[in-house]
């Protein structure tokens, strides 16, 4: 979905620029500088779309600041909240496009935590069947959020890395239209892990 929106963003604004230039030269004879201007504008829009539509949810860094520096600043200002979890098992849902990783994680009290977002890429390790160096999901972890803005700043992983039960098929446009895609951080207390996994594996 983000790739489609990014493409529409670049195409629409490039077309608008061509239209503006064309309105000043209705005979179709564009000046020599029009083509280089359009190319430069399109490249600039592509770069802008990359940052705009691939914004990783956690670690929203100010220019020139590292993740550790920003975490230290937020902590010093009292802007970090932390919640700890203990997990039994987890399964992953395949990405539909580039919306980020999806995990359903069964906690020791029987509830199921759903997490989704590009911020999870940081913990996913090297791509491939073995997921070498994967840090998450794990048996114990803490989620740190920005207190006022709500986004996840960091996940502190501890305990053992969980072996994923399976990778379920991706959510699709029909799931989105029916409101079946959970919100990042949603906690299921009224539905079991087995039910949620069976539903995704259908």
N, C-alpha and C. Protein backbone atom coordinates (compact mmCIF):
# COMPACT_ATOMS: atom_id res chain seq x y z
N UNK A 1 0.83 -1.21 0.00
CA UNK A 1 0.00 0.00 0.00
C UNK A 1 0.86 1.26 0.00
N UNK A 2 1.94 1.26 0.82
CA UNK A 2 2.80 2.44 0.86
C UNK A 2 3.47 2.68 -0.50
N UNK A 3 3.85 1.58 -1.18
CA UNK A 3 4.49 1.73 -2.49
C UNK A 3 3.53 2.37 -3.49
N UNK A 4 2.26 1.95 -3.44
CA UNK A 4 1.26 2.52 -4.34
C UNK A 4 1.04 4.00 -4.05
N UNK A 5 0.93 4.35 -2.77
CA UNK A 5 0.73 5.75 -2.39
C UNK A 5 1.93 6.60 -2.79
N UNK A 6 3.13 6.05 -2.61
CA UNK A 6 4.34 6.79 -2.98
C UNK A 6 4.37 7.04 -4.48
N UNK A 7 4.00 6.01 -5.26
CA UNK A 7 3.96 6.18 -6.71
C UNK A 7 2.96 7.23 -7.14
N UNK A 8 1.77 7.20 -6.52
CA UNK A 8 0.74 8.19 -6.84
C UNK A 8 1.19 9.59 -6.47
N UNK A 9 1.89 9.70 -5.34
CA UNK A 9 2.41 10.98 -4.86
C UNK A 9 3.37 11.58 -5.90
N UNK A 10 4.33 10.77 -6.35
CA UNK A 10 5.32 11.25 -7.32
C UNK A 10 4.65 11.57 -8.66
N UNK A 11 3.79 10.67 -9.12
CA UNK A 11 3.13 10.85 -10.42
C UNK A 11 2.25 12.11 -10.43
N UNK A 12 1.44 12.28 -9.36
CA UNK A 12 0.50 13.41 -9.31
C UNK A 12 1.23 14.75 -9.29
N UNK A 13 2.26 14.85 -8.45
CA UNK A 13 2.97 16.13 -8.35
C UNK A 13 3.81 16.41 -9.60
N UNK A 14 4.35 15.37 -10.21
CA UNK A 14 5.09 15.57 -11.47
C UNK A 14 4.14 16.05 -12.55
N UNK A 15 2.97 15.42 -12.63
CA UNK A 15 1.96 15.81 -13.62
C UNK A 15 1.50 17.25 -13.39
N UNK A 16 1.37 17.60 -12.11
CA UNK A 16 0.96 18.98 -11.78
C UNK A 16 2.01 19.98 -12.24
N UNK A 17 3.28 19.63 -12.04
CA UNK A 17 4.36 20.53 -12.48
C UNK A 17 4.34 20.69 -14.00
N UNK A 18 4.17 19.57 -14.72
CA UNK A 18 4.08 19.64 -16.18
C UNK A 18 2.90 20.52 -16.60
N UNK A 19 1.78 20.39 -15.88
CA UNK A 19 0.61 21.20 -16.18
C UNK A 19 0.84 22.68 -15.97
N UNK A 20 1.54 23.02 -14.90
CA UNK A 20 1.85 24.43 -14.61
C UNK A 20 2.73 25.01 -15.71
N UNK A 21 3.77 24.25 -16.08
CA UNK A 21 4.66 24.74 -17.15
C UNK A 21 3.89 24.85 -18.46
N UNK A 22 3.06 23.83 -18.74
CA UNK A 22 2.29 23.82 -19.98
C UNK A 22 1.30 24.96 -20.07
N UNK A 23 0.77 25.39 -18.91
CA UNK A 23 -0.19 26.49 -18.94
C UNK A 23 0.45 27.81 -19.39
N UNK A 24 1.75 27.92 -19.23
CA UNK A 24 2.47 29.12 -19.66
C UNK A 24 2.94 29.02 -21.12
N UNK A 25 2.89 27.80 -21.64
CA UNK A 25 3.31 27.59 -23.03
C UNK A 25 2.26 26.73 -23.74
N UNK A 26 1.08 27.30 -23.99
CA UNK A 26 -0.04 26.51 -24.55
C UNK A 26 0.22 25.96 -25.94
N UNK A 27 1.21 26.48 -26.65
CA UNK A 27 1.50 25.98 -28.00
C UNK A 27 2.28 24.66 -27.98
N UNK A 28 2.65 24.21 -26.78
CA UNK A 28 3.35 22.92 -26.65
C UNK A 28 4.85 23.02 -26.84
N UNK A 29 5.37 24.20 -27.14
CA UNK A 29 6.81 24.37 -27.31
C UNK A 29 7.42 24.78 -25.96
N UNK A 30 7.79 23.77 -25.19
CA UNK A 30 8.36 24.03 -23.86
C UNK A 30 9.76 24.62 -24.01
N UNK A 31 10.19 25.48 -23.08
CA UNK A 31 11.56 26.02 -23.12
C UNK A 31 12.57 24.91 -22.84
N UNK A 32 13.82 25.19 -23.16
CA UNK A 32 14.88 24.19 -23.01
C UNK A 32 15.04 23.70 -21.58
N UNK A 33 14.76 24.57 -20.62
CA UNK A 33 15.01 24.22 -19.22
C UNK A 33 13.88 23.39 -18.61
N UNK A 34 12.80 23.19 -19.32
CA UNK A 34 11.65 22.48 -18.75
C UNK A 34 11.97 21.02 -18.44
N UNK A 35 12.61 20.33 -19.41
CA UNK A 35 12.91 18.91 -19.22
C UNK A 35 13.85 18.66 -18.03
N UNK A 36 14.99 19.40 -17.93
CA UNK A 36 15.85 19.20 -16.75
C UNK A 36 15.13 19.51 -15.44
N UNK A 37 14.28 20.55 -15.46
CA UNK A 37 13.55 20.92 -14.25
C UNK A 37 12.61 19.79 -13.82
N UNK A 38 11.91 19.21 -14.78
CA UNK A 38 10.97 18.12 -14.48
C UNK A 38 11.72 16.89 -13.94
N UNK A 39 12.87 16.58 -14.56
CA UNK A 39 13.66 15.42 -14.10
C UNK A 39 14.15 15.63 -12.67
N UNK A 40 14.70 16.82 -12.39
CA UNK A 40 15.19 17.12 -11.04
C UNK A 40 14.05 17.08 -10.03
N UNK A 41 12.90 17.66 -10.42
CA UNK A 41 11.74 17.66 -9.52
C UNK A 41 11.27 16.24 -9.24
N UNK A 42 11.25 15.39 -10.27
CA UNK A 42 10.80 14.01 -10.10
C UNK A 42 11.74 13.24 -9.17
N UNK A 43 13.06 13.43 -9.35
CA UNK A 43 14.02 12.75 -8.47
C UNK A 43 13.87 13.22 -7.03
N UNK A 44 13.64 14.52 -6.87
CA UNK A 44 13.43 15.07 -5.52
C UNK A 44 12.17 14.48 -4.89
N UNK A 45 11.12 14.34 -5.68
CA UNK A 45 9.87 13.76 -5.18
C UNK A 45 10.04 12.29 -4.80
N UNK A 46 10.84 11.57 -5.58
CA UNK A 46 11.09 10.16 -5.27
C UNK A 46 11.79 10.02 -3.93
N UNK A 47 12.81 10.87 -3.72
CA UNK A 47 13.52 10.85 -2.43
C UNK A 47 12.57 11.23 -1.30
N UNK A 48 11.77 12.27 -1.53
CA UNK A 48 10.80 12.69 -0.52
C UNK A 48 9.79 11.61 -0.21
N UNK A 49 9.32 10.91 -1.26
CA UNK A 49 8.34 9.84 -1.06
C UNK A 49 8.94 8.69 -0.27
N UNK A 50 10.23 8.42 -0.49
CA UNK A 50 10.89 7.34 0.24
C UNK A 50 10.82 7.60 1.75
N UNK A 51 11.13 8.84 2.15
CA UNK A 51 11.12 9.15 3.57
C UNK A 51 9.69 9.31 4.10
N UNK A 52 8.81 9.85 3.27
CA UNK A 52 7.44 10.09 3.71
C UNK A 52 6.65 8.81 3.88
N UNK A 53 6.81 7.87 2.96
CA UNK A 53 5.98 6.66 2.96
C UNK A 53 6.69 5.44 3.52
N UNK A 54 7.94 5.57 3.90
CA UNK A 54 8.64 4.47 4.54
C UNK A 54 9.14 4.87 5.92
N UNK A 55 8.34 5.71 6.58
CA UNK A 55 8.68 6.20 7.91
C UNK A 55 8.62 5.07 8.90
N UNK A 56 9.74 4.72 9.47
CA UNK A 56 9.76 3.65 10.46
C UNK A 56 9.18 4.17 11.76
N UNK A 57 8.23 3.42 12.32
CA UNK A 57 7.45 3.90 13.45
C UNK A 57 8.25 4.19 14.69
N UNK A 58 9.32 3.43 14.93
CA UNK A 58 10.07 3.71 16.14
C UNK A 58 11.32 4.50 15.80
N UNK A 59 11.94 5.06 16.79
CA UNK A 59 13.19 5.79 16.63
C UNK A 59 13.06 6.94 15.63
N UNK A 60 12.12 7.82 15.86
CA UNK A 60 11.95 8.98 14.98
C UNK A 60 13.01 10.00 15.31
N UNK A 61 14.12 9.90 14.67
CA UNK A 61 15.29 10.67 15.06
C UNK A 61 15.28 12.07 14.49
N UNK A 62 15.75 13.00 15.32
CA UNK A 62 16.03 14.34 14.81
C UNK A 62 17.33 14.24 14.02
N UNK A 63 17.52 15.10 13.02
CA UNK A 63 18.74 15.05 12.22
C UNK A 63 19.99 15.15 13.09
N UNK A 64 20.94 14.27 12.82
CA UNK A 64 22.21 14.32 13.53
C UNK A 64 22.21 13.64 14.88
N UNK A 65 21.09 13.03 15.28
CA UNK A 65 21.03 12.38 16.59
C UNK A 65 20.89 10.88 16.41
N UNK A 66 21.65 10.14 17.20
CA UNK A 66 21.57 8.68 17.14
C UNK A 66 20.36 8.21 17.94
N UNK A 67 20.02 6.92 17.76
CA UNK A 67 18.89 6.34 18.49
C UNK A 67 19.15 6.39 19.99
N UNK A 68 20.37 6.07 20.40
CA UNK A 68 20.69 6.07 21.83
C UNK A 68 20.58 7.47 22.42
N UNK A 69 21.00 8.48 21.66
CA UNK A 69 20.92 9.86 22.15
C UNK A 69 19.46 10.28 22.33
N UNK A 70 18.62 9.90 21.35
CA UNK A 70 17.21 10.29 21.46
C UNK A 70 16.54 9.56 22.63
N UNK A 71 16.86 8.28 22.80
CA UNK A 71 16.30 7.53 23.92
C UNK A 71 16.69 8.16 25.25
N UNK A 72 17.95 8.55 25.35
CA UNK A 72 18.43 9.18 26.59
C UNK A 72 17.70 10.50 26.84
N UNK A 73 17.47 11.28 25.78
CA UNK A 73 16.76 12.55 25.93
C UNK A 73 15.31 12.34 26.37
N UNK A 74 14.64 11.40 25.74
CA UNK A 74 13.25 11.12 26.10
C UNK A 74 13.14 10.63 27.53
N UNK A 75 14.09 9.77 27.91
CA UNK A 75 14.07 9.25 29.28
C UNK A 75 14.32 10.37 30.29
N UNK A 76 15.27 11.26 29.98
CA UNK A 76 15.58 12.38 30.88
C UNK A 76 14.39 13.32 31.04
N UNK A 77 13.58 13.45 29.98
CA UNK A 77 12.40 14.33 30.03
C UNK A 77 11.16 13.62 30.59
N UNK A 78 11.31 12.36 30.95
CA UNK A 78 10.17 11.61 31.47
C UNK A 78 9.12 11.29 30.43
N UNK A 79 9.54 11.16 29.17
CA UNK A 79 8.59 10.94 28.07
C UNK A 79 8.53 9.49 27.62
N UNK A 80 9.15 8.58 28.37
CA UNK A 80 9.10 7.17 28.02
C UNK A 80 8.26 6.39 29.02
N UNK A 81 7.35 5.57 28.50
CA UNK A 81 6.63 4.63 29.36
C UNK A 81 7.07 3.23 28.96
N UNK A 82 7.09 2.32 29.92
CA UNK A 82 7.57 0.97 29.66
C UNK A 82 6.58 -0.06 30.20
N UNK A 83 6.35 -1.10 29.41
CA UNK A 83 5.46 -2.18 29.83
C UNK A 83 6.16 -3.50 29.52
N UNK A 84 6.20 -4.39 30.51
CA UNK A 84 6.92 -5.65 30.36
C UNK A 84 5.95 -6.80 30.08
N UNK A 85 6.44 -7.77 29.31
CA UNK A 85 5.62 -8.92 28.91
C UNK A 85 6.45 -10.20 29.02
N UNK A 86 5.74 -11.31 29.29
CA UNK A 86 6.33 -12.63 29.21
C UNK A 86 5.51 -13.45 28.23
N UNK A 87 6.20 -14.10 27.31
CA UNK A 87 5.50 -14.77 26.21
C UNK A 87 5.79 -16.26 26.18
N UNK A 88 4.82 -17.01 25.63
CA UNK A 88 4.97 -18.46 25.47
C UNK A 88 5.35 -18.85 24.06
N UNK A 89 4.65 -18.27 23.08
CA UNK A 89 4.85 -18.66 21.69
C UNK A 89 4.35 -17.54 20.79
N UNK A 90 4.65 -17.67 19.50
CA UNK A 90 4.27 -16.61 18.56
C UNK A 90 4.21 -17.16 17.15
N UNK A 91 3.40 -16.52 16.33
CA UNK A 91 3.43 -16.80 14.89
C UNK A 91 3.46 -15.49 14.14
N UNK A 92 3.95 -15.57 12.93
CA UNK A 92 4.12 -14.38 12.10
C UNK A 92 3.12 -14.41 10.96
N UNK A 93 2.71 -13.23 10.51
CA UNK A 93 1.87 -13.09 9.31
C UNK A 93 2.73 -12.45 8.24
N UNK A 94 2.71 -13.04 7.08
CA UNK A 94 3.51 -12.52 5.96
C UNK A 94 3.06 -11.11 5.58
N UNK A 95 4.00 -10.30 5.17
CA UNK A 95 3.66 -8.95 4.71
C UNK A 95 2.90 -9.00 3.39
N UNK A 96 1.94 -8.10 3.24
CA UNK A 96 1.24 -7.97 1.96
C UNK A 96 2.08 -7.15 1.00
N UNK A 97 2.62 -6.03 1.49
CA UNK A 97 3.53 -5.22 0.70
C UNK A 97 4.72 -4.84 1.57
N UNK A 98 4.73 -3.63 2.09
CA UNK A 98 5.86 -3.21 2.91
C UNK A 98 5.37 -2.52 4.18
N UNK A 99 4.27 -3.07 4.74
CA UNK A 99 3.69 -2.43 5.93
C UNK A 99 4.42 -2.80 7.21
N UNK A 100 5.42 -3.67 7.12
CA UNK A 100 6.16 -4.06 8.30
C UNK A 100 5.80 -5.47 8.75
N UNK A 101 6.56 -5.99 9.69
CA UNK A 101 6.33 -7.34 10.20
C UNK A 101 5.05 -7.39 11.04
N UNK A 102 4.43 -8.59 11.07
CA UNK A 102 3.24 -8.83 11.89
C UNK A 102 3.52 -10.01 12.81
N UNK A 103 3.23 -9.84 14.10
CA UNK A 103 3.38 -10.95 15.05
C UNK A 103 2.16 -11.04 15.95
N UNK A 104 1.69 -12.26 16.16
CA UNK A 104 0.72 -12.57 17.21
C UNK A 104 1.49 -13.32 18.28
N UNK A 105 1.51 -12.78 19.50
CA UNK A 105 2.34 -13.33 20.57
C UNK A 105 1.46 -13.73 21.75
N UNK A 106 1.49 -15.01 22.11
CA UNK A 106 0.72 -15.47 23.26
C UNK A 106 1.49 -15.18 24.54
N UNK A 107 0.86 -14.48 25.46
CA UNK A 107 1.48 -14.14 26.73
C UNK A 107 1.14 -15.20 27.78
N UNK A 108 1.86 -15.19 28.89
CA UNK A 108 1.69 -16.26 29.88
C UNK A 108 0.32 -16.23 30.56
N UNK A 109 -0.38 -15.09 30.49
CA UNK A 109 -1.73 -15.04 31.09
C UNK A 109 -2.81 -15.49 30.11
N UNK A 110 -2.40 -15.94 28.91
CA UNK A 110 -3.35 -16.44 27.93
C UNK A 110 -3.83 -15.40 26.92
N UNK A 111 -3.55 -14.14 27.17
CA UNK A 111 -3.92 -13.10 26.20
C UNK A 111 -2.93 -13.12 25.04
N UNK A 112 -3.30 -12.44 23.95
CA UNK A 112 -2.46 -12.44 22.75
C UNK A 112 -2.18 -10.99 22.35
N UNK A 113 -0.91 -10.67 22.23
CA UNK A 113 -0.47 -9.33 21.84
C UNK A 113 -0.16 -9.33 20.35
N UNK A 114 -0.72 -8.35 19.65
CA UNK A 114 -0.44 -8.20 18.22
C UNK A 114 0.44 -6.97 18.02
N UNK A 115 1.54 -7.16 17.30
CA UNK A 115 2.42 -6.05 16.96
C UNK A 115 2.64 -6.03 15.46
N UNK A 116 2.64 -4.85 14.89
CA UNK A 116 2.86 -4.69 13.46
C UNK A 116 3.53 -3.36 13.18
N UNK A 117 4.51 -3.37 12.28
CA UNK A 117 5.12 -2.11 11.87
C UNK A 117 6.52 -2.31 11.34
N UNK A 118 6.99 -1.33 10.61
CA UNK A 118 8.34 -1.39 10.07
C UNK A 118 9.39 -1.32 11.17
N UNK A 119 9.04 -0.79 12.33
CA UNK A 119 10.01 -0.74 13.43
C UNK A 119 10.48 -2.14 13.82
N UNK A 120 9.66 -3.16 13.53
CA UNK A 120 10.03 -4.54 13.89
C UNK A 120 11.14 -5.09 13.01
N UNK A 121 11.39 -4.45 11.85
CA UNK A 121 12.50 -4.88 11.00
C UNK A 121 13.81 -4.89 11.78
N UNK A 122 13.94 -3.94 12.69
CA UNK A 122 15.18 -3.80 13.45
C UNK A 122 15.50 -5.05 14.26
N UNK A 123 14.45 -5.79 14.64
CA UNK A 123 14.62 -6.96 15.50
C UNK A 123 14.51 -8.28 14.75
N UNK A 124 14.18 -8.21 13.45
CA UNK A 124 13.88 -9.43 12.70
C UNK A 124 15.11 -10.22 12.28
N UNK A 125 16.28 -9.63 12.30
CA UNK A 125 17.47 -10.33 11.88
C UNK A 125 17.56 -10.46 10.38
N UNK A 126 18.50 -11.24 9.93
CA UNK A 126 18.74 -11.44 8.51
C UNK A 126 17.58 -12.22 7.91
N UNK A 127 17.08 -11.77 6.75
CA UNK A 127 15.96 -12.44 6.10
C UNK A 127 16.34 -13.87 5.71
N UNK A 128 15.35 -14.73 5.66
CA UNK A 128 15.58 -16.11 5.27
C UNK A 128 14.92 -17.06 6.24
N UNK A 129 14.87 -18.34 5.89
CA UNK A 129 14.17 -19.31 6.73
C UNK A 129 14.69 -19.37 8.16
N UNK A 130 16.01 -19.22 8.34
CA UNK A 130 16.57 -19.35 9.69
C UNK A 130 16.46 -18.07 10.50
N UNK A 131 16.21 -16.93 9.81
CA UNK A 131 16.15 -15.64 10.50
C UNK A 131 17.35 -15.47 11.42
N UNK A 132 18.54 -15.63 10.88
CA UNK A 132 19.76 -15.51 11.67
C UNK A 132 19.80 -14.17 12.38
N UNK A 133 20.23 -14.19 13.63
CA UNK A 133 20.37 -12.99 14.47
C UNK A 133 19.05 -12.36 14.86
N UNK A 134 17.94 -13.07 14.68
CA UNK A 134 16.65 -12.52 15.08
C UNK A 134 16.61 -12.34 16.60
N UNK A 135 16.07 -11.20 17.04
CA UNK A 135 15.99 -10.89 18.46
C UNK A 135 14.59 -11.02 19.02
N UNK A 136 13.60 -11.02 18.16
CA UNK A 136 12.20 -10.92 18.59
C UNK A 136 11.33 -11.71 17.65
N UNK A 137 10.23 -12.28 18.13
CA UNK A 137 9.71 -12.30 19.51
C UNK A 137 10.58 -13.15 20.43
N UNK A 138 10.52 -12.81 21.71
CA UNK A 138 11.30 -13.53 22.71
C UNK A 138 10.45 -13.76 23.96
N UNK A 139 10.95 -14.58 24.86
CA UNK A 139 10.16 -15.01 26.01
C UNK A 139 9.89 -13.88 27.01
N UNK A 140 10.76 -12.90 27.05
CA UNK A 140 10.57 -11.74 27.93
C UNK A 140 11.00 -10.49 27.17
N UNK A 141 10.18 -9.45 27.24
CA UNK A 141 10.52 -8.20 26.56
C UNK A 141 9.75 -7.04 27.17
N UNK A 142 10.28 -5.87 26.97
CA UNK A 142 9.61 -4.64 27.42
C UNK A 142 9.44 -3.72 26.22
N UNK A 143 8.26 -3.12 26.13
CA UNK A 143 7.98 -2.16 25.06
C UNK A 143 8.02 -0.77 25.65
N UNK A 144 8.84 0.08 25.06
CA UNK A 144 8.92 1.47 25.51
C UNK A 144 8.27 2.37 24.48
N UNK A 145 7.33 3.17 24.95
CA UNK A 145 6.56 4.06 24.07
C UNK A 145 6.78 5.52 24.46
N UNK A 146 6.56 6.39 23.49
CA UNK A 146 6.53 7.83 23.76
C UNK A 146 5.23 8.11 24.50
N UNK A 147 5.32 8.72 25.68
CA UNK A 147 4.15 8.88 26.54
C UNK A 147 3.04 9.70 25.91
N UNK A 148 3.38 10.76 25.19
CA UNK A 148 2.33 11.64 24.65
C UNK A 148 1.94 11.30 23.22
N UNK A 149 2.89 10.79 22.42
CA UNK A 149 2.59 10.49 21.02
C UNK A 149 2.25 9.03 20.77
N UNK A 150 2.57 8.16 21.72
CA UNK A 150 2.11 6.78 21.66
C UNK A 150 2.90 5.81 20.82
N UNK A 151 3.83 6.28 19.98
CA UNK A 151 4.54 5.34 19.12
C UNK A 151 5.60 4.57 19.91
N UNK A 152 5.93 3.38 19.39
CA UNK A 152 6.94 2.54 20.03
C UNK A 152 8.32 3.09 19.73
N UNK A 153 9.06 3.36 20.78
CA UNK A 153 10.41 3.90 20.63
C UNK A 153 11.43 2.77 20.60
N UNK A 154 11.18 1.73 21.39
CA UNK A 154 12.19 0.68 21.52
C UNK A 154 11.54 -0.57 22.10
N UNK A 155 12.10 -1.72 21.76
CA UNK A 155 11.73 -2.98 22.41
C UNK A 155 13.00 -3.53 23.05
N UNK A 156 12.95 -3.76 24.35
CA UNK A 156 14.08 -4.32 25.07
C UNK A 156 13.86 -5.82 25.16
N UNK A 157 14.69 -6.57 24.46
CA UNK A 157 14.53 -8.02 24.37
C UNK A 157 15.38 -8.72 25.43
N UNK A 158 14.77 -9.72 26.09
CA UNK A 158 15.51 -10.55 27.04
C UNK A 158 14.92 -11.96 26.97
N UNK A 159 15.39 -12.85 27.82
CA UNK A 159 14.90 -14.22 27.74
C UNK A 159 15.38 -14.88 26.46
N UNK A 160 14.66 -15.92 26.05
CA UNK A 160 15.05 -16.69 24.87
C UNK A 160 14.24 -16.27 23.66
N UNK A 161 14.89 -16.28 22.50
CA UNK A 161 14.18 -16.00 21.25
C UNK A 161 13.23 -17.16 20.97
N UNK A 162 11.97 -16.86 20.68
CA UNK A 162 10.97 -17.89 20.44
C UNK A 162 11.05 -18.40 19.00
N UNK A 163 10.91 -19.70 18.85
CA UNK A 163 10.78 -20.29 17.52
C UNK A 163 9.36 -20.03 17.04
N UNK A 164 9.23 -19.42 15.89
CA UNK A 164 7.90 -19.09 15.38
C UNK A 164 7.15 -20.35 14.98
N UNK A 165 5.88 -20.42 15.38
CA UNK A 165 5.05 -21.58 15.06
C UNK A 165 4.84 -21.72 13.56
N UNK A 166 4.63 -20.60 12.90
CA UNK A 166 4.35 -20.65 11.46
C UNK A 166 4.39 -19.23 10.90
N UNK A 167 4.33 -19.13 9.59
CA UNK A 167 4.13 -17.85 8.91
C UNK A 167 2.82 -17.96 8.15
N UNK A 168 1.81 -17.23 8.61
CA UNK A 168 0.49 -17.29 8.00
C UNK A 168 0.43 -16.41 6.76
N UNK A 169 -0.52 -16.68 5.87
CA UNK A 169 -0.69 -15.83 4.67
C UNK A 169 -0.96 -14.38 5.06
N UNK A 170 -0.65 -13.45 4.18
CA UNK A 170 -0.79 -12.03 4.52
C UNK A 170 -2.24 -11.59 4.61
N UNK A 171 -2.47 -10.51 5.35
CA UNK A 171 -3.74 -9.82 5.29
C UNK A 171 -3.89 -9.28 3.87
N UNK A 172 -5.12 -9.21 3.39
CA UNK A 172 -5.33 -8.69 2.04
C UNK A 172 -6.31 -7.53 2.05
N UNK A 173 -6.64 -7.04 0.87
CA UNK A 173 -7.54 -5.89 0.76
C UNK A 173 -8.91 -6.20 1.35
N UNK A 174 -9.35 -7.45 1.24
CA UNK A 174 -10.64 -7.84 1.80
C UNK A 174 -10.62 -7.76 3.32
N UNK A 175 -9.51 -8.20 3.93
CA UNK A 175 -9.37 -8.09 5.39
C UNK A 175 -9.42 -6.63 5.83
N UNK A 176 -8.75 -5.78 5.06
CA UNK A 176 -8.73 -4.35 5.38
C UNK A 176 -10.12 -3.74 5.26
N UNK A 177 -10.84 -4.10 4.20
CA UNK A 177 -12.19 -3.56 3.99
C UNK A 177 -13.15 -3.99 5.10
N UNK A 178 -12.94 -5.18 5.63
CA UNK A 178 -13.83 -5.70 6.68
C UNK A 178 -13.35 -5.35 8.09
N UNK A 179 -12.27 -4.59 8.18
CA UNK A 179 -11.76 -4.16 9.48
C UNK A 179 -11.17 -5.30 10.30
N UNK A 180 -10.58 -6.28 9.63
CA UNK A 180 -10.06 -7.47 10.31
C UNK A 180 -8.57 -7.36 10.65
N UNK A 181 -7.94 -6.27 10.26
CA UNK A 181 -6.52 -6.10 10.59
C UNK A 181 -6.42 -5.37 11.92
N UNK A 182 -5.84 -6.01 12.93
CA UNK A 182 -5.75 -5.37 14.26
C UNK A 182 -4.87 -4.13 14.24
N UNK A 183 -4.98 -3.36 15.29
CA UNK A 183 -4.11 -2.20 15.48
C UNK A 183 -2.81 -2.65 16.14
N UNK A 184 -1.73 -1.98 15.81
CA UNK A 184 -0.45 -2.26 16.45
C UNK A 184 -0.59 -2.11 17.96
N UNK A 185 -0.17 -3.13 18.70
CA UNK A 185 -0.26 -3.08 20.16
C UNK A 185 -1.57 -3.61 20.72
N UNK A 186 -2.48 -4.07 19.84
CA UNK A 186 -3.78 -4.57 20.31
C UNK A 186 -3.59 -5.84 21.13
N UNK A 187 -4.33 -5.92 22.24
CA UNK A 187 -4.25 -7.07 23.14
C UNK A 187 -5.57 -7.82 23.10
N UNK A 188 -5.53 -9.08 22.70
CA UNK A 188 -6.73 -9.91 22.63
C UNK A 188 -6.87 -10.69 23.94
N UNK A 189 -7.96 -10.46 24.64
CA UNK A 189 -8.26 -11.21 25.86
C UNK A 189 -9.45 -12.14 25.69
N UNK A 190 -10.25 -11.89 24.64
CA UNK A 190 -11.47 -12.67 24.42
C UNK A 190 -11.32 -13.71 23.32
N UNK A 191 -10.12 -13.83 22.74
CA UNK A 191 -9.88 -14.81 21.69
C UNK A 191 -8.55 -15.50 21.95
N UNK A 192 -8.55 -16.81 21.77
CA UNK A 192 -7.35 -17.58 22.08
C UNK A 192 -6.33 -17.50 20.95
N UNK A 193 -5.11 -17.86 21.30
CA UNK A 193 -4.02 -17.92 20.33
C UNK A 193 -4.35 -18.91 19.22
N UNK A 194 -4.88 -20.08 19.62
CA UNK A 194 -5.23 -21.10 18.62
C UNK A 194 -6.28 -20.59 17.64
N UNK A 195 -7.29 -19.87 18.16
CA UNK A 195 -8.33 -19.35 17.28
C UNK A 195 -7.77 -18.33 16.29
N UNK A 196 -6.92 -17.45 16.77
CA UNK A 196 -6.34 -16.41 15.90
C UNK A 196 -5.42 -17.04 14.84
N UNK A 197 -4.66 -18.05 15.26
CA UNK A 197 -3.77 -18.71 14.30
C UNK A 197 -4.58 -19.48 13.26
N UNK A 198 -5.62 -20.19 13.70
CA UNK A 198 -6.46 -20.94 12.75
C UNK A 198 -7.14 -20.03 11.76
N UNK A 199 -7.57 -18.85 12.25
CA UNK A 199 -8.23 -17.89 11.37
C UNK A 199 -7.29 -17.41 10.29
N UNK A 200 -6.03 -17.14 10.64
CA UNK A 200 -5.07 -16.65 9.66
C UNK A 200 -4.59 -17.74 8.70
N UNK A 201 -4.68 -18.99 9.12
CA UNK A 201 -4.21 -20.09 8.28
C UNK A 201 -5.27 -20.62 7.34
N UNK A 202 -6.47 -20.10 7.41
CA UNK A 202 -7.55 -20.57 6.53
C UNK A 202 -7.21 -20.31 5.08
